[in-house]
Amino acid sequence: MIEKIRIDKWLWSIRFFKTRTMSTDACVGNKVKVNGQTVKPSFQIKPGDTVQCKKDHINFTLKAITLIAKRVGAPIAQACYEDLTPQSELDKLKEWFEGAPGPELRERGAGRPTKRERRTIDEFKSESFWCEDE
């Protein structure tokens, strides 16, 4: 069993970040804290440490249970940490997308919109946007 591991490597191995570079960038960007202190990517964590990480405007709180050095499958990775994130933080993403319109669709084979069609679409969007506020 590993006693200590780099924070960036651990966040990548538990599948919190898709790539190790993203994990390192989060640490460099002061978005990762261990036990309340901002850390560098080379910081060594140990089991029992509380990791706070900001990702997609949500402040996640994780407790390190097991340290792993290699990326593993999702079920194994989830057993390596305890998610202590408050429900109010998890609801932020849901609230952000609530009431948002769905993706725009065009008929198959219609191609890209012409300049005239784009102007019409932009005009429609701006009008509907302003009508909602009134």
N, C-alpha and C. Protein backbone atom coordinates (compact mmCIF):
# COMPACT_ATOMS: atom_id res chain seq x y z
N MET A 1 0.84 -1.19 0.00
CA MET A 1 0.00 0.00 0.00
C MET A 1 0.88 1.25 0.00
N ILE A 2 0.47 2.23 -0.75
CA ILE A 2 1.22 3.47 -0.88
C ILE A 2 0.91 4.36 0.33
N GLU A 3 1.97 4.96 0.91
CA GLU A 3 1.77 5.82 2.07
C GLU A 3 1.55 7.28 1.66
N LYS A 4 2.25 7.73 0.60
CA LYS A 4 2.11 9.10 0.12
C LYS A 4 2.18 9.09 -1.40
N ILE A 5 1.49 10.07 -2.02
CA ILE A 5 1.49 10.20 -3.48
C ILE A 5 1.24 11.66 -3.84
N ARG A 6 1.71 12.06 -5.00
CA ARG A 6 1.49 13.43 -5.47
C ARG A 6 -0.01 13.68 -5.66
N ILE A 7 -0.46 14.87 -5.29
CA ILE A 7 -1.88 15.20 -5.37
C ILE A 7 -2.37 15.19 -6.81
N ASP A 8 -1.58 15.69 -7.76
CA ASP A 8 -2.03 15.71 -9.14
C ASP A 8 -2.18 14.29 -9.70
N LYS A 9 -1.27 13.43 -9.32
CA LYS A 9 -1.33 12.04 -9.81
C LYS A 9 -2.53 11.31 -9.19
N TRP A 10 -2.80 11.57 -7.93
CA TRP A 10 -3.93 10.91 -7.27
C TRP A 10 -5.27 11.37 -7.85
N LEU A 11 -5.41 12.68 -8.08
CA LEU A 11 -6.66 13.19 -8.66
C LEU A 11 -6.89 12.61 -10.05
N TRP A 12 -5.83 12.40 -10.81
CA TRP A 12 -5.96 11.78 -12.13
C TRP A 12 -6.29 10.29 -11.99
N SER A 13 -5.64 9.60 -11.06
CA SER A 13 -5.83 8.16 -10.94
C SER A 13 -7.22 7.79 -10.43
N ILE A 14 -7.85 8.66 -9.64
CA ILE A 14 -9.21 8.36 -9.16
C ILE A 14 -10.27 8.86 -10.14
N ARG A 15 -9.82 9.31 -11.32
CA ARG A 15 -10.68 9.75 -12.41
C ARG A 15 -11.43 11.05 -12.11
N PHE A 16 -10.87 11.89 -11.24
CA PHE A 16 -11.49 13.19 -10.98
C PHE A 16 -11.24 14.12 -12.16
N PHE A 17 -10.04 14.02 -12.74
CA PHE A 17 -9.71 14.75 -13.95
C PHE A 17 -9.42 13.76 -15.06
N LYS A 18 -9.74 14.17 -16.28
CA LYS A 18 -9.60 13.29 -17.44
C LYS A 18 -8.13 13.04 -17.79
N THR A 19 -7.29 14.06 -17.64
CA THR A 19 -5.87 13.91 -17.95
C THR A 19 -5.03 14.39 -16.77
N ARG A 20 -3.81 13.94 -16.74
CA ARG A 20 -2.91 14.36 -15.68
C ARG A 20 -2.56 15.83 -15.84
N THR A 21 -2.51 16.31 -17.08
CA THR A 21 -2.23 17.72 -17.33
C THR A 21 -3.33 18.60 -16.74
N MET A 22 -4.58 18.19 -16.90
CA MET A 22 -5.70 18.95 -16.32
C MET A 22 -5.59 18.99 -14.80
N SER A 23 -5.18 17.88 -14.22
CA SER A 23 -5.01 17.80 -12.78
C SER A 23 -3.90 18.74 -12.31
N THR A 24 -2.80 18.74 -13.04
CA THR A 24 -1.67 19.61 -12.70
C THR A 24 -2.07 21.07 -12.86
N ASP A 25 -2.78 21.40 -13.93
CA ASP A 25 -3.21 22.78 -14.17
C ASP A 25 -4.14 23.27 -13.07
N ALA A 26 -4.99 22.39 -12.55
CA ALA A 26 -5.88 22.78 -11.46
C ALA A 26 -5.07 23.13 -10.21
N CYS A 27 -4.03 22.35 -9.94
CA CYS A 27 -3.18 22.64 -8.78
C CYS A 27 -2.42 23.94 -8.97
N VAL A 28 -1.89 24.15 -10.15
CA VAL A 28 -1.14 25.38 -10.45
C VAL A 28 -2.07 26.59 -10.39
N GLY A 29 -3.33 26.41 -10.78
CA GLY A 29 -4.31 27.50 -10.77
C GLY A 29 -4.95 27.74 -9.43
N ASN A 30 -4.39 27.19 -8.35
CA ASN A 30 -4.88 27.38 -6.98
C ASN A 30 -6.32 26.90 -6.81
N LYS A 31 -6.70 25.83 -7.49
CA LYS A 31 -8.05 25.29 -7.38
C LYS A 31 -8.11 24.05 -6.51
N VAL A 32 -6.97 23.64 -5.97
CA VAL A 32 -6.91 22.44 -5.13
C VAL A 32 -6.34 22.80 -3.77
N LYS A 33 -7.04 22.35 -2.73
CA LYS A 33 -6.59 22.57 -1.35
C LYS A 33 -6.58 21.22 -0.64
N VAL A 34 -5.59 21.03 0.19
CA VAL A 34 -5.52 19.84 1.03
C VAL A 34 -5.52 20.30 2.48
N ASN A 35 -6.49 19.84 3.23
CA ASN A 35 -6.67 20.23 4.63
C ASN A 35 -6.70 21.75 4.79
N GLY A 36 -7.34 22.44 3.81
CA GLY A 36 -7.54 23.88 3.90
C GLY A 36 -6.40 24.72 3.35
N GLN A 37 -5.30 24.11 2.90
CA GLN A 37 -4.18 24.88 2.37
C GLN A 37 -4.02 24.63 0.88
N THR A 38 -3.82 25.71 0.12
CA THR A 38 -3.58 25.59 -1.31
C THR A 38 -2.26 24.87 -1.52
N VAL A 39 -2.24 23.93 -2.48
CA VAL A 39 -1.05 23.10 -2.67
C VAL A 39 -0.58 23.14 -4.11
N LYS A 40 0.68 22.77 -4.28
CA LYS A 40 1.28 22.63 -5.60
C LYS A 40 1.04 21.20 -6.09
N PRO A 41 1.25 20.95 -7.39
CA PRO A 41 1.02 19.60 -7.92
C PRO A 41 1.89 18.52 -7.26
N SER A 42 3.04 18.91 -6.75
CA SER A 42 3.96 17.93 -6.17
C SER A 42 3.67 17.61 -4.70
N PHE A 43 2.64 18.22 -4.13
CA PHE A 43 2.32 17.99 -2.72
C PHE A 43 1.97 16.52 -2.49
N GLN A 44 2.53 15.94 -1.45
CA GLN A 44 2.31 14.53 -1.13
C GLN A 44 1.12 14.40 -0.17
N ILE A 45 0.08 13.70 -0.61
CA ILE A 45 -1.06 13.47 0.29
C ILE A 45 -0.95 12.09 0.91
N LYS A 46 -1.67 11.90 2.00
CA LYS A 46 -1.68 10.61 2.68
C LYS A 46 -3.13 10.23 2.98
N PRO A 47 -3.41 8.99 3.27
CA PRO A 47 -4.79 8.59 3.57
C PRO A 47 -5.35 9.40 4.73
N GLY A 48 -6.61 9.82 4.59
CA GLY A 48 -7.26 10.60 5.63
C GLY A 48 -7.27 12.10 5.35
N ASP A 49 -6.48 12.55 4.36
CA ASP A 49 -6.46 13.97 4.02
C ASP A 49 -7.76 14.38 3.33
N THR A 50 -8.19 15.61 3.59
CA THR A 50 -9.37 16.17 2.95
C THR A 50 -8.92 17.05 1.80
N VAL A 51 -9.43 16.75 0.60
CA VAL A 51 -9.04 17.48 -0.61
C VAL A 51 -10.25 18.27 -1.09
N GLN A 52 -10.05 19.58 -1.25
CA GLN A 52 -11.09 20.45 -1.81
C GLN A 52 -10.62 20.87 -3.19
N CYS A 53 -11.47 20.64 -4.18
CA CYS A 53 -11.08 20.92 -5.56
C CYS A 53 -12.23 21.60 -6.29
N LYS A 54 -11.91 22.68 -7.00
CA LYS A 54 -12.93 23.40 -7.76
C LYS A 54 -12.86 22.92 -9.20
N LYS A 55 -13.98 22.42 -9.69
CA LYS A 55 -14.06 21.90 -11.06
C LYS A 55 -15.44 22.26 -11.61
N ASP A 56 -15.46 22.90 -12.78
CA ASP A 56 -16.72 23.30 -13.41
C ASP A 56 -17.58 24.16 -12.48
N HIS A 57 -16.96 25.08 -11.76
CA HIS A 57 -17.62 26.03 -10.86
C HIS A 57 -18.28 25.35 -9.66
N ILE A 58 -17.90 24.12 -9.37
CA ILE A 58 -18.43 23.41 -8.22
C ILE A 58 -17.28 23.07 -7.30
N ASN A 59 -17.45 23.32 -6.02
CA ASN A 59 -16.41 23.02 -5.03
C ASN A 59 -16.62 21.62 -4.47
N PHE A 60 -15.83 20.68 -4.94
CA PHE A 60 -15.92 19.29 -4.49
C PHE A 60 -15.05 19.11 -3.25
N THR A 61 -15.50 18.26 -2.35
CA THR A 61 -14.73 17.91 -1.16
C THR A 61 -14.60 16.40 -1.12
N LEU A 62 -13.36 15.93 -1.11
CA LEU A 62 -13.08 14.49 -1.13
C LEU A 62 -12.19 14.14 0.05
N LYS A 63 -12.39 12.94 0.58
CA LYS A 63 -11.51 12.44 1.64
C LYS A 63 -10.77 11.24 1.08
N ALA A 64 -9.45 11.30 1.10
CA ALA A 64 -8.62 10.22 0.57
C ALA A 64 -8.69 9.01 1.51
N ILE A 65 -9.11 7.89 0.96
CA ILE A 65 -9.18 6.65 1.74
C ILE A 65 -8.01 5.75 1.38
N THR A 66 -7.86 5.49 0.09
CA THR A 66 -6.78 4.66 -0.42
C THR A 66 -6.02 5.45 -1.47
N LEU A 67 -4.71 5.32 -1.47
CA LEU A 67 -3.89 6.00 -2.47
C LEU A 67 -3.51 5.02 -3.57
N ILE A 68 -3.76 5.41 -4.81
CA ILE A 68 -3.38 4.59 -5.95
C ILE A 68 -2.55 5.44 -6.90
N ALA A 69 -1.62 4.79 -7.60
CA ALA A 69 -0.71 5.51 -8.49
C ALA A 69 -1.09 5.37 -9.95
N LYS A 70 -1.88 4.35 -10.28
CA LYS A 70 -2.26 4.12 -11.66
C LYS A 70 -3.76 4.31 -11.84
N ARG A 71 -4.14 4.73 -13.03
CA ARG A 71 -5.55 4.94 -13.35
C ARG A 71 -6.23 3.58 -13.43
N VAL A 72 -7.35 3.46 -12.76
CA VAL A 72 -8.08 2.19 -12.70
C VAL A 72 -9.52 2.42 -13.14
N GLY A 73 -10.29 1.36 -13.19
CA GLY A 73 -11.70 1.46 -13.57
C GLY A 73 -12.49 2.28 -12.57
N ALA A 74 -13.62 2.81 -13.03
CA ALA A 74 -14.43 3.70 -12.21
C ALA A 74 -14.88 3.07 -10.88
N PRO A 75 -15.37 1.82 -10.86
CA PRO A 75 -15.80 1.26 -9.57
C PRO A 75 -14.66 1.16 -8.55
N ILE A 76 -13.49 0.82 -9.02
CA ILE A 76 -12.33 0.72 -8.11
C ILE A 76 -11.91 2.12 -7.66
N ALA A 77 -11.94 3.06 -8.59
CA ALA A 77 -11.53 4.43 -8.27
C ALA A 77 -12.46 5.06 -7.23
N GLN A 78 -13.75 4.80 -7.32
CA GLN A 78 -14.70 5.38 -6.38
C GLN A 78 -14.51 4.85 -4.97
N ALA A 79 -13.93 3.68 -4.85
CA ALA A 79 -13.67 3.11 -3.52
C ALA A 79 -12.45 3.75 -2.86
N CYS A 80 -11.68 4.54 -3.60
CA CYS A 80 -10.45 5.14 -3.08
C CYS A 80 -10.68 6.48 -2.40
N TYR A 81 -11.88 7.01 -2.48
CA TYR A 81 -12.17 8.29 -1.85
C TYR A 81 -13.61 8.31 -1.36
N GLU A 82 -13.87 9.22 -0.44
CA GLU A 82 -15.22 9.44 0.07
C GLU A 82 -15.64 10.84 -0.36
N ASP A 83 -16.77 10.95 -1.01
CA ASP A 83 -17.25 12.24 -1.50
C ASP A 83 -18.01 12.94 -0.38
N LEU A 84 -17.46 14.05 0.10
CA LEU A 84 -18.07 14.83 1.18
C LEU A 84 -18.69 16.12 0.67
N THR A 85 -18.87 16.24 -0.64
CA THR A 85 -19.40 17.45 -1.24
C THR A 85 -20.83 17.68 -0.78
N PRO A 86 -21.15 18.89 -0.28
CA PRO A 86 -22.53 19.17 0.14
C PRO A 86 -23.49 19.13 -1.06
N GLN A 87 -24.71 18.75 -0.81
CA GLN A 87 -25.72 18.64 -1.87
C GLN A 87 -25.98 19.98 -2.53
N SER A 88 -25.85 21.08 -1.78
CA SER A 88 -26.07 22.40 -2.37
C SER A 88 -25.07 22.70 -3.48
N GLU A 89 -23.85 22.22 -3.34
CA GLU A 89 -22.84 22.40 -4.39
C GLU A 89 -23.17 21.54 -5.61
N LEU A 90 -23.64 20.33 -5.38
CA LEU A 90 -23.98 19.44 -6.49
C LEU A 90 -25.19 19.95 -7.26
N ASP A 91 -26.08 20.67 -6.60
CA ASP A 91 -27.28 21.20 -7.25
C ASP A 91 -26.98 22.40 -8.15
N LYS A 92 -25.80 23.01 -8.01
CA LYS A 92 -25.45 24.18 -8.82
C LYS A 92 -25.51 23.85 -10.32
N LEU A 93 -24.97 22.70 -10.69
CA LEU A 93 -24.95 22.32 -12.10
C LEU A 93 -26.36 22.11 -12.62
N LYS A 94 -27.21 21.50 -11.83
CA LYS A 94 -28.59 21.26 -12.23
C LYS A 94 -29.34 22.60 -12.39
N GLU A 95 -29.12 23.51 -11.46
CA GLU A 95 -29.77 24.83 -11.53
C GLU A 95 -29.28 25.63 -12.74
N TRP A 96 -28.02 25.44 -13.08
CA TRP A 96 -27.45 26.18 -14.18
C TRP A 96 -28.10 25.79 -15.51
N PHE A 97 -28.38 24.50 -15.69
CA PHE A 97 -28.97 24.02 -16.93
C PHE A 97 -30.50 24.04 -16.92
N GLU A 98 -31.11 24.26 -15.76
CA GLU A 98 -32.56 24.25 -15.65
C GLU A 98 -33.16 25.38 -16.46
N GLY A 99 -34.07 25.07 -17.34
CA GLY A 99 -34.73 26.08 -18.15
C GLY A 99 -33.95 26.48 -19.39
N ALA A 100 -32.79 25.89 -19.58
CA ALA A 100 -31.99 26.23 -20.76
C ALA A 100 -32.59 25.54 -21.98
N PRO A 101 -32.58 26.21 -23.12
CA PRO A 101 -33.14 25.58 -24.31
C PRO A 101 -32.26 24.42 -24.78
N GLY A 102 -32.87 23.50 -25.49
CA GLY A 102 -32.14 22.36 -26.01
C GLY A 102 -31.28 22.76 -27.20
N PRO A 103 -30.55 21.83 -27.76
CA PRO A 103 -29.71 22.15 -28.90
C PRO A 103 -30.55 22.46 -30.13
N GLU A 104 -29.97 23.26 -30.99
CA GLU A 104 -30.67 23.62 -32.23
C GLU A 104 -30.48 22.51 -33.24
N LEU A 105 -31.52 22.22 -33.99
CA LEU A 105 -31.46 21.14 -34.97
C LEU A 105 -31.81 21.68 -36.35
N ARG A 106 -31.16 21.13 -37.37
CA ARG A 106 -31.48 21.45 -38.75
C ARG A 106 -31.84 20.14 -39.45
N GLU A 107 -32.60 20.27 -40.50
CA GLU A 107 -32.97 19.07 -41.26
C GLU A 107 -31.73 18.43 -41.85
N ARG A 108 -31.74 17.13 -41.90
CA ARG A 108 -30.60 16.40 -42.44
C ARG A 108 -30.41 16.78 -43.91
N GLY A 109 -29.18 17.10 -44.27
CA GLY A 109 -28.86 17.47 -45.63
C GLY A 109 -29.07 18.94 -45.95
N ALA A 110 -29.53 19.73 -44.96
CA ALA A 110 -29.78 21.15 -45.20
C ALA A 110 -28.48 21.95 -45.26
N GLY A 111 -27.40 21.39 -44.74
CA GLY A 111 -26.12 22.10 -44.77
C GLY A 111 -26.05 23.21 -43.74
N ARG A 112 -25.02 24.01 -43.87
CA ARG A 112 -24.84 25.12 -42.95
C ARG A 112 -25.80 26.24 -43.29
N PRO A 113 -26.20 27.04 -42.29
CA PRO A 113 -27.10 28.15 -42.59
C PRO A 113 -26.39 29.21 -43.44
N THR A 114 -27.13 29.84 -44.31
CA THR A 114 -26.58 30.93 -45.11
C THR A 114 -26.47 32.16 -44.22
N LYS A 115 -25.83 33.18 -44.75
CA LYS A 115 -25.65 34.41 -43.98
C LYS A 115 -27.00 35.00 -43.62
N ARG A 116 -27.93 34.96 -44.55
CA ARG A 116 -29.27 35.50 -44.31
C ARG A 116 -29.98 34.69 -43.21
N GLU A 117 -29.86 33.36 -43.26
CA GLU A 117 -30.50 32.51 -42.25
C GLU A 117 -29.87 32.75 -40.88
N ARG A 118 -28.56 32.93 -40.83
CA ARG A 118 -27.89 33.22 -39.55
C ARG A 118 -28.39 34.51 -38.95
N ARG A 119 -28.56 35.52 -39.78
CA ARG A 119 -29.08 36.80 -39.27
C ARG A 119 -30.48 36.64 -38.72
N THR A 120 -31.30 35.87 -39.40
CA THR A 120 -32.67 35.62 -38.94
C THR A 120 -32.66 34.88 -37.60
N ILE A 121 -31.79 33.89 -37.50
CA ILE A 121 -31.67 33.12 -36.26
C ILE A 121 -31.21 34.02 -35.12
N ASP A 122 -30.16 34.82 -35.37
CA ASP A 122 -29.65 35.72 -34.34
C ASP A 122 -30.70 36.74 -33.91
N GLU A 123 -31.47 37.23 -34.85
CA GLU A 123 -32.53 38.19 -34.54
C GLU A 123 -33.60 37.54 -33.68
N PHE A 124 -33.98 36.31 -34.03
CA PHE A 124 -34.98 35.59 -33.27
C PHE A 124 -34.50 35.34 -31.84
N LYS A 125 -33.24 34.92 -31.71
CA LYS A 125 -32.70 34.64 -30.38
C LYS A 125 -32.66 35.89 -29.52
N SER A 126 -32.23 37.00 -30.09
CA SER A 126 -32.14 38.22 -29.30
C SER A 126 -33.52 38.71 -28.89
N GLU A 127 -34.52 38.56 -29.75
CA GLU A 127 -35.89 38.97 -29.40
C GLU A 127 -36.46 38.08 -28.32
N SER A 128 -36.28 36.78 -28.44
CA SER A 128 -36.84 35.88 -27.44
C SER A 128 -36.13 36.04 -26.10
N PHE A 129 -34.85 36.40 -26.14
CA PHE A 129 -34.11 36.63 -24.90
C PHE A 129 -34.67 37.83 -24.16
N TRP A 130 -34.94 38.91 -24.88
CA TRP A 130 -35.43 40.11 -24.24
C TRP A 130 -36.87 39.96 -23.79
N CYS A 131 -37.65 39.14 -24.46
CA CYS A 131 -39.05 38.95 -24.07
C CYS A 131 -39.17 38.23 -22.75
N GLU A 132 -38.22 37.36 -22.41
CA GLU A 132 -38.29 36.60 -21.17
C GLU A 132 -38.12 37.50 -19.95
N ASP A 133 -37.33 38.56 -20.07
CA ASP A 133 -37.08 39.43 -18.93
C ASP A 133 -38.24 40.34 -18.60
N GLU A 134 -39.08 40.62 -19.57
CA GLU A 134 -40.17 41.57 -19.35
C GLU A 134 -41.31 40.97 -18.59
